[in-house]
Amino acid sequence: MGGRRGKSICSSPLPPETFEPMIEAQSATTAPGAAVRILYRVRPDRSGVLVRSGELWVPAAMPDAEGFMLPKRAGYYRFLVWGEWGDRNTASYRFGVFVEP
């Protein structure tokens, strides 16, 4: 255990005004309606994808548990993929995508 007990292994999140431009700068560009596959080494007990709509995160339509389709309308989209394993193990990943006209 060596003194790490009770300490988080993750750092504090960056403020949105710093974090969001970093995501946008690293965003991929893709065709409208492209498929996005989500592969986990260990399948989570619960998972989902959220897409940013204005100031709200809303569930993205997922035809199956391993993927979703990008919007058909051109623009910049922000996504959050999340998974839960058991009661206390969680992970999330944010990314952006530019959908071409």
N, C-alpha and C. Protein backbone atom coordinates (compact mmCIF):
# COMPACT_ATOMS: atom_id res chain seq x y z
N MET A 1 0.82 -1.18 0.00
CA MET A 1 0.00 0.00 0.00
C MET A 1 0.87 1.25 0.00
N GLY A 2 1.90 1.29 0.78
CA GLY A 2 2.93 2.31 0.72
C GLY A 2 2.48 3.75 0.73
N GLY A 3 1.57 4.16 1.59
CA GLY A 3 1.21 5.56 1.71
C GLY A 3 0.23 6.07 0.68
N ARG A 4 -0.21 5.25 -0.25
CA ARG A 4 -1.13 5.70 -1.30
C ARG A 4 -2.58 5.47 -0.91
N ARG A 5 -2.78 4.80 0.18
CA ARG A 5 -4.13 4.46 0.61
C ARG A 5 -4.97 5.72 0.82
N GLY A 6 -6.16 5.73 0.22
CA GLY A 6 -7.06 6.85 0.41
C GLY A 6 -6.80 8.04 -0.49
N LYS A 7 -5.75 8.00 -1.29
CA LYS A 7 -5.46 9.12 -2.18
C LYS A 7 -5.94 8.80 -3.59
N SER A 8 -6.40 9.81 -4.28
CA SER A 8 -6.85 9.66 -5.65
C SER A 8 -5.66 9.54 -6.58
N ILE A 9 -5.80 8.72 -7.61
CA ILE A 9 -4.72 8.63 -8.60
C ILE A 9 -4.96 9.60 -9.75
N CYS A 10 -6.10 10.31 -9.72
CA CYS A 10 -6.42 11.27 -10.77
C CYS A 10 -6.24 12.68 -10.24
N SER A 11 -5.85 13.58 -11.11
CA SER A 11 -5.70 14.97 -10.71
C SER A 11 -7.04 15.68 -10.77
N SER A 12 -7.11 16.86 -10.23
CA SER A 12 -8.32 17.66 -10.29
C SER A 12 -8.60 18.04 -11.73
N PRO A 13 -9.87 18.09 -12.12
CA PRO A 13 -10.18 18.44 -13.51
C PRO A 13 -9.82 19.89 -13.81
N LEU A 14 -9.48 20.13 -15.06
CA LEU A 14 -9.20 21.49 -15.51
C LEU A 14 -10.51 22.25 -15.62
N PRO A 15 -10.47 23.58 -15.49
CA PRO A 15 -11.69 24.36 -15.68
C PRO A 15 -12.13 24.28 -17.14
N PRO A 16 -13.44 24.37 -17.41
CA PRO A 16 -13.94 24.25 -18.79
C PRO A 16 -13.29 25.21 -19.78
N GLU A 17 -12.98 26.42 -19.35
CA GLU A 17 -12.38 27.39 -20.29
C GLU A 17 -10.99 26.96 -20.74
N THR A 18 -10.34 26.07 -20.01
CA THR A 18 -9.05 25.49 -20.41
C THR A 18 -9.25 24.16 -21.12
N PHE A 19 -10.10 23.34 -20.56
CA PHE A 19 -10.31 21.97 -21.02
C PHE A 19 -10.96 21.90 -22.40
N GLU A 20 -12.05 22.64 -22.62
CA GLU A 20 -12.79 22.56 -23.87
C GLU A 20 -11.97 22.95 -25.09
N PRO A 21 -11.18 24.04 -25.07
CA PRO A 21 -10.33 24.35 -26.24
C PRO A 21 -9.29 23.27 -26.52
N MET A 22 -8.82 22.59 -25.49
CA MET A 22 -7.85 21.50 -25.68
C MET A 22 -8.50 20.35 -26.44
N ILE A 23 -9.73 20.02 -26.08
CA ILE A 23 -10.45 18.95 -26.77
C ILE A 23 -10.71 19.34 -28.21
N GLU A 24 -11.18 20.56 -28.44
CA GLU A 24 -11.49 21.00 -29.80
C GLU A 24 -10.24 20.98 -30.68
N ALA A 25 -9.10 21.39 -30.14
CA ALA A 25 -7.85 21.42 -30.92
C ALA A 25 -7.41 20.02 -31.34
N GLN A 26 -7.81 18.99 -30.61
CA GLN A 26 -7.40 17.62 -30.92
C GLN A 26 -8.51 16.80 -31.60
N SER A 27 -9.58 17.48 -32.02
CA SER A 27 -10.73 16.78 -32.58
C SER A 27 -10.46 16.28 -33.99
N ALA A 28 -11.07 15.15 -34.31
CA ALA A 28 -10.99 14.55 -35.64
C ALA A 28 -12.05 15.17 -36.54
N THR A 29 -11.85 15.04 -37.84
CA THR A 29 -12.83 15.46 -38.84
C THR A 29 -13.31 14.22 -39.56
N THR A 30 -14.62 14.11 -39.76
CA THR A 30 -15.17 12.91 -40.36
C THR A 30 -16.40 13.21 -41.21
N ALA A 31 -16.85 12.21 -41.93
CA ALA A 31 -18.02 12.34 -42.78
C ALA A 31 -19.30 12.29 -41.95
N PRO A 32 -20.39 12.90 -42.44
CA PRO A 32 -21.67 12.84 -41.74
C PRO A 32 -22.15 11.40 -41.57
N GLY A 33 -22.70 11.09 -40.42
CA GLY A 33 -23.29 9.78 -40.17
C GLY A 33 -22.29 8.64 -39.98
N ALA A 34 -21.01 8.97 -39.81
CA ALA A 34 -19.99 7.92 -39.62
C ALA A 34 -20.26 7.15 -38.32
N ALA A 35 -19.88 5.88 -38.32
CA ALA A 35 -20.05 5.04 -37.14
C ALA A 35 -18.85 5.17 -36.21
N VAL A 36 -19.10 5.22 -34.92
CA VAL A 36 -18.06 5.25 -33.90
C VAL A 36 -18.21 3.98 -33.07
N ARG A 37 -17.16 3.19 -33.01
CA ARG A 37 -17.17 1.95 -32.22
C ARG A 37 -16.48 2.20 -30.88
N ILE A 38 -17.03 1.64 -29.82
CA ILE A 38 -16.48 1.75 -28.48
C ILE A 38 -16.12 0.35 -28.02
N LEU A 39 -14.84 0.12 -27.82
CA LEU A 39 -14.38 -1.20 -27.40
C LEU A 39 -13.72 -1.09 -26.03
N TYR A 40 -14.18 -1.90 -25.10
CA TYR A 40 -13.61 -1.97 -23.76
C TYR A 40 -12.85 -3.26 -23.60
N ARG A 41 -11.73 -3.21 -22.91
CA ARG A 41 -10.99 -4.44 -22.61
C ARG A 41 -11.83 -5.33 -21.70
N VAL A 42 -12.50 -4.71 -20.73
CA VAL A 42 -13.45 -5.41 -19.85
C VAL A 42 -14.78 -4.67 -20.00
N ARG A 43 -15.80 -5.37 -20.46
CA ARG A 43 -17.10 -4.75 -20.69
C ARG A 43 -17.66 -4.19 -19.38
N PRO A 44 -18.10 -2.93 -19.37
CA PRO A 44 -18.66 -2.35 -18.15
C PRO A 44 -20.05 -2.90 -17.85
N ASP A 45 -20.45 -2.77 -16.59
CA ASP A 45 -21.80 -3.17 -16.18
C ASP A 45 -22.83 -2.20 -16.76
N ARG A 46 -22.47 -0.93 -16.83
CA ARG A 46 -23.32 0.11 -17.39
C ARG A 46 -22.43 1.05 -18.19
N SER A 47 -22.96 1.56 -19.31
CA SER A 47 -22.18 2.50 -20.12
C SER A 47 -23.12 3.33 -20.98
N GLY A 48 -22.58 4.37 -21.56
CA GLY A 48 -23.38 5.21 -22.43
C GLY A 48 -22.54 6.27 -23.10
N VAL A 49 -23.20 7.03 -23.95
CA VAL A 49 -22.57 8.14 -24.66
C VAL A 49 -23.49 9.34 -24.54
N LEU A 50 -22.91 10.47 -24.17
CA LEU A 50 -23.64 11.73 -24.11
C LEU A 50 -23.08 12.66 -25.16
N VAL A 51 -23.94 13.51 -25.72
CA VAL A 51 -23.51 14.53 -26.68
C VAL A 51 -23.94 15.88 -26.12
N ARG A 52 -23.09 16.88 -26.33
CA ARG A 52 -23.39 18.22 -25.80
C ARG A 52 -24.37 18.92 -26.72
N SER A 53 -25.46 19.41 -26.14
CA SER A 53 -26.47 20.16 -26.87
C SER A 53 -26.68 21.46 -26.12
N GLY A 54 -26.09 22.53 -26.61
CA GLY A 54 -26.12 23.80 -25.88
C GLY A 54 -25.35 23.66 -24.59
N GLU A 55 -26.00 23.88 -23.49
CA GLU A 55 -25.36 23.76 -22.18
C GLU A 55 -25.62 22.41 -21.52
N LEU A 56 -26.35 21.52 -22.19
CA LEU A 56 -26.75 20.25 -21.59
C LEU A 56 -26.05 19.07 -22.26
N TRP A 57 -25.79 18.02 -21.49
CA TRP A 57 -25.34 16.73 -22.03
C TRP A 57 -26.58 15.86 -22.16
N VAL A 58 -26.85 15.35 -23.37
CA VAL A 58 -28.02 14.50 -23.60
C VAL A 58 -27.56 13.15 -24.14
N PRO A 59 -28.31 12.08 -23.87
CA PRO A 59 -27.92 10.76 -24.37
C PRO A 59 -27.87 10.71 -25.90
N ALA A 60 -26.82 10.12 -26.42
CA ALA A 60 -26.70 9.90 -27.87
C ALA A 60 -27.41 8.59 -28.20
N ALA A 61 -28.01 8.54 -29.38
CA ALA A 61 -28.66 7.31 -29.82
C ALA A 61 -27.61 6.25 -30.08
N MET A 62 -27.77 5.09 -29.45
CA MET A 62 -26.83 3.98 -29.62
C MET A 62 -27.59 2.76 -30.14
N PRO A 63 -27.35 2.38 -31.40
CA PRO A 63 -28.04 1.21 -31.95
C PRO A 63 -27.64 -0.10 -31.26
N ASP A 64 -26.44 -0.12 -30.67
CA ASP A 64 -26.00 -1.28 -29.89
C ASP A 64 -25.06 -0.80 -28.80
N ALA A 65 -24.64 -1.70 -27.92
CA ALA A 65 -23.82 -1.33 -26.76
C ALA A 65 -22.38 -0.97 -27.12
N GLU A 66 -21.99 -1.18 -28.36
CA GLU A 66 -20.59 -0.94 -28.74
C GLU A 66 -20.40 0.20 -29.73
N GLY A 67 -21.41 1.03 -29.95
CA GLY A 67 -21.19 2.11 -30.87
C GLY A 67 -22.37 3.02 -31.07
N PHE A 68 -22.12 4.07 -31.84
CA PHE A 68 -23.16 5.04 -32.16
C PHE A 68 -22.80 5.71 -33.48
N MET A 69 -23.77 6.40 -34.04
CA MET A 69 -23.59 7.10 -35.30
C MET A 69 -23.40 8.59 -35.03
N LEU A 70 -22.47 9.20 -35.76
CA LEU A 70 -22.30 10.64 -35.65
C LEU A 70 -23.46 11.34 -36.35
N PRO A 71 -23.72 12.59 -35.97
CA PRO A 71 -24.81 13.33 -36.63
C PRO A 71 -24.57 13.48 -38.13
N LYS A 72 -25.67 13.67 -38.86
CA LYS A 72 -25.58 13.88 -40.30
C LYS A 72 -25.43 15.35 -40.65
N ARG A 73 -25.72 16.21 -39.69
CA ARG A 73 -25.60 17.66 -39.90
C ARG A 73 -24.16 18.09 -39.63
N ALA A 74 -23.62 18.91 -40.52
CA ALA A 74 -22.25 19.42 -40.36
C ALA A 74 -22.15 20.27 -39.10
N GLY A 75 -20.97 20.24 -38.48
CA GLY A 75 -20.73 21.06 -37.30
C GLY A 75 -19.74 20.40 -36.37
N TYR A 76 -19.52 21.06 -35.25
CA TYR A 76 -18.62 20.54 -34.22
C TYR A 76 -19.46 19.95 -33.09
N TYR A 77 -19.12 18.73 -32.67
CA TYR A 77 -19.87 18.03 -31.64
C TYR A 77 -18.93 17.55 -30.54
N ARG A 78 -19.39 17.66 -29.29
CA ARG A 78 -18.63 17.17 -28.13
C ARG A 78 -19.34 15.95 -27.55
N PHE A 79 -18.55 14.91 -27.25
CA PHE A 79 -19.10 13.67 -26.73
C PHE A 79 -18.43 13.30 -25.41
N LEU A 80 -19.17 12.54 -24.60
CA LEU A 80 -18.64 11.98 -23.37
C LEU A 80 -19.06 10.51 -23.34
N VAL A 81 -18.06 9.62 -23.34
CA VAL A 81 -18.29 8.18 -23.23
C VAL A 81 -18.01 7.79 -21.78
N TRP A 82 -18.89 7.02 -21.18
CA TRP A 82 -18.69 6.64 -19.77
C TRP A 82 -18.99 5.16 -19.56
N GLY A 83 -18.37 4.62 -18.53
CA GLY A 83 -18.59 3.23 -18.14
C GLY A 83 -18.50 3.08 -16.64
N GLU A 84 -19.25 2.10 -16.11
CA GLU A 84 -19.22 1.80 -14.67
C GLU A 84 -19.04 0.30 -14.50
N TRP A 85 -18.11 -0.06 -13.63
CA TRP A 85 -17.84 -1.45 -13.29
C TRP A 85 -18.08 -1.57 -11.79
N GLY A 86 -19.11 -2.32 -11.41
CA GLY A 86 -19.44 -2.42 -10.00
C GLY A 86 -19.99 -1.10 -9.49
N ASP A 87 -19.86 -0.89 -8.18
CA ASP A 87 -20.42 0.31 -7.56
C ASP A 87 -19.46 1.49 -7.51
N ARG A 88 -18.15 1.25 -7.60
CA ARG A 88 -17.21 2.35 -7.35
C ARG A 88 -16.18 2.57 -8.45
N ASN A 89 -16.18 1.78 -9.48
CA ASN A 89 -15.19 1.93 -10.54
C ASN A 89 -15.84 2.55 -11.77
N THR A 90 -15.40 3.74 -12.10
CA THR A 90 -15.97 4.46 -13.24
C THR A 90 -14.86 5.03 -14.10
N ALA A 91 -15.20 5.28 -15.35
CA ALA A 91 -14.27 5.94 -16.27
C ALA A 91 -15.09 6.74 -17.26
N SER A 92 -14.53 7.85 -17.72
CA SER A 92 -15.18 8.64 -18.77
C SER A 92 -14.11 9.24 -19.66
N TYR A 93 -14.52 9.54 -20.87
CA TYR A 93 -13.60 10.08 -21.87
C TYR A 93 -14.36 11.09 -22.71
N ARG A 94 -13.84 12.29 -22.82
CA ARG A 94 -14.45 13.33 -23.64
C ARG A 94 -13.66 13.50 -24.92
N PHE A 95 -14.38 13.74 -26.00
CA PHE A 95 -13.72 14.02 -27.27
C PHE A 95 -14.65 14.86 -28.15
N GLY A 96 -14.06 15.50 -29.14
CA GLY A 96 -14.82 16.31 -30.09
C GLY A 96 -14.65 15.78 -31.49
N VAL A 97 -15.64 16.06 -32.34
CA VAL A 97 -15.61 15.63 -33.73
C VAL A 97 -16.16 16.76 -34.59
N PHE A 98 -15.45 17.08 -35.68
CA PHE A 98 -15.97 17.99 -36.68
C PHE A 98 -16.60 17.13 -37.77
N VAL A 99 -17.90 17.30 -38.00
CA VAL A 99 -18.58 16.59 -39.06
C VAL A 99 -18.54 17.50 -40.28
N GLU A 100 -18.01 16.96 -41.38
CA GLU A 100 -17.84 17.75 -42.60
C GLU A 100 -19.19 18.05 -43.25
N PRO A 101 -19.26 19.17 -43.99
CA PRO A 101 -20.50 19.47 -44.73
C PRO A 101 -20.68 18.52 -45.92
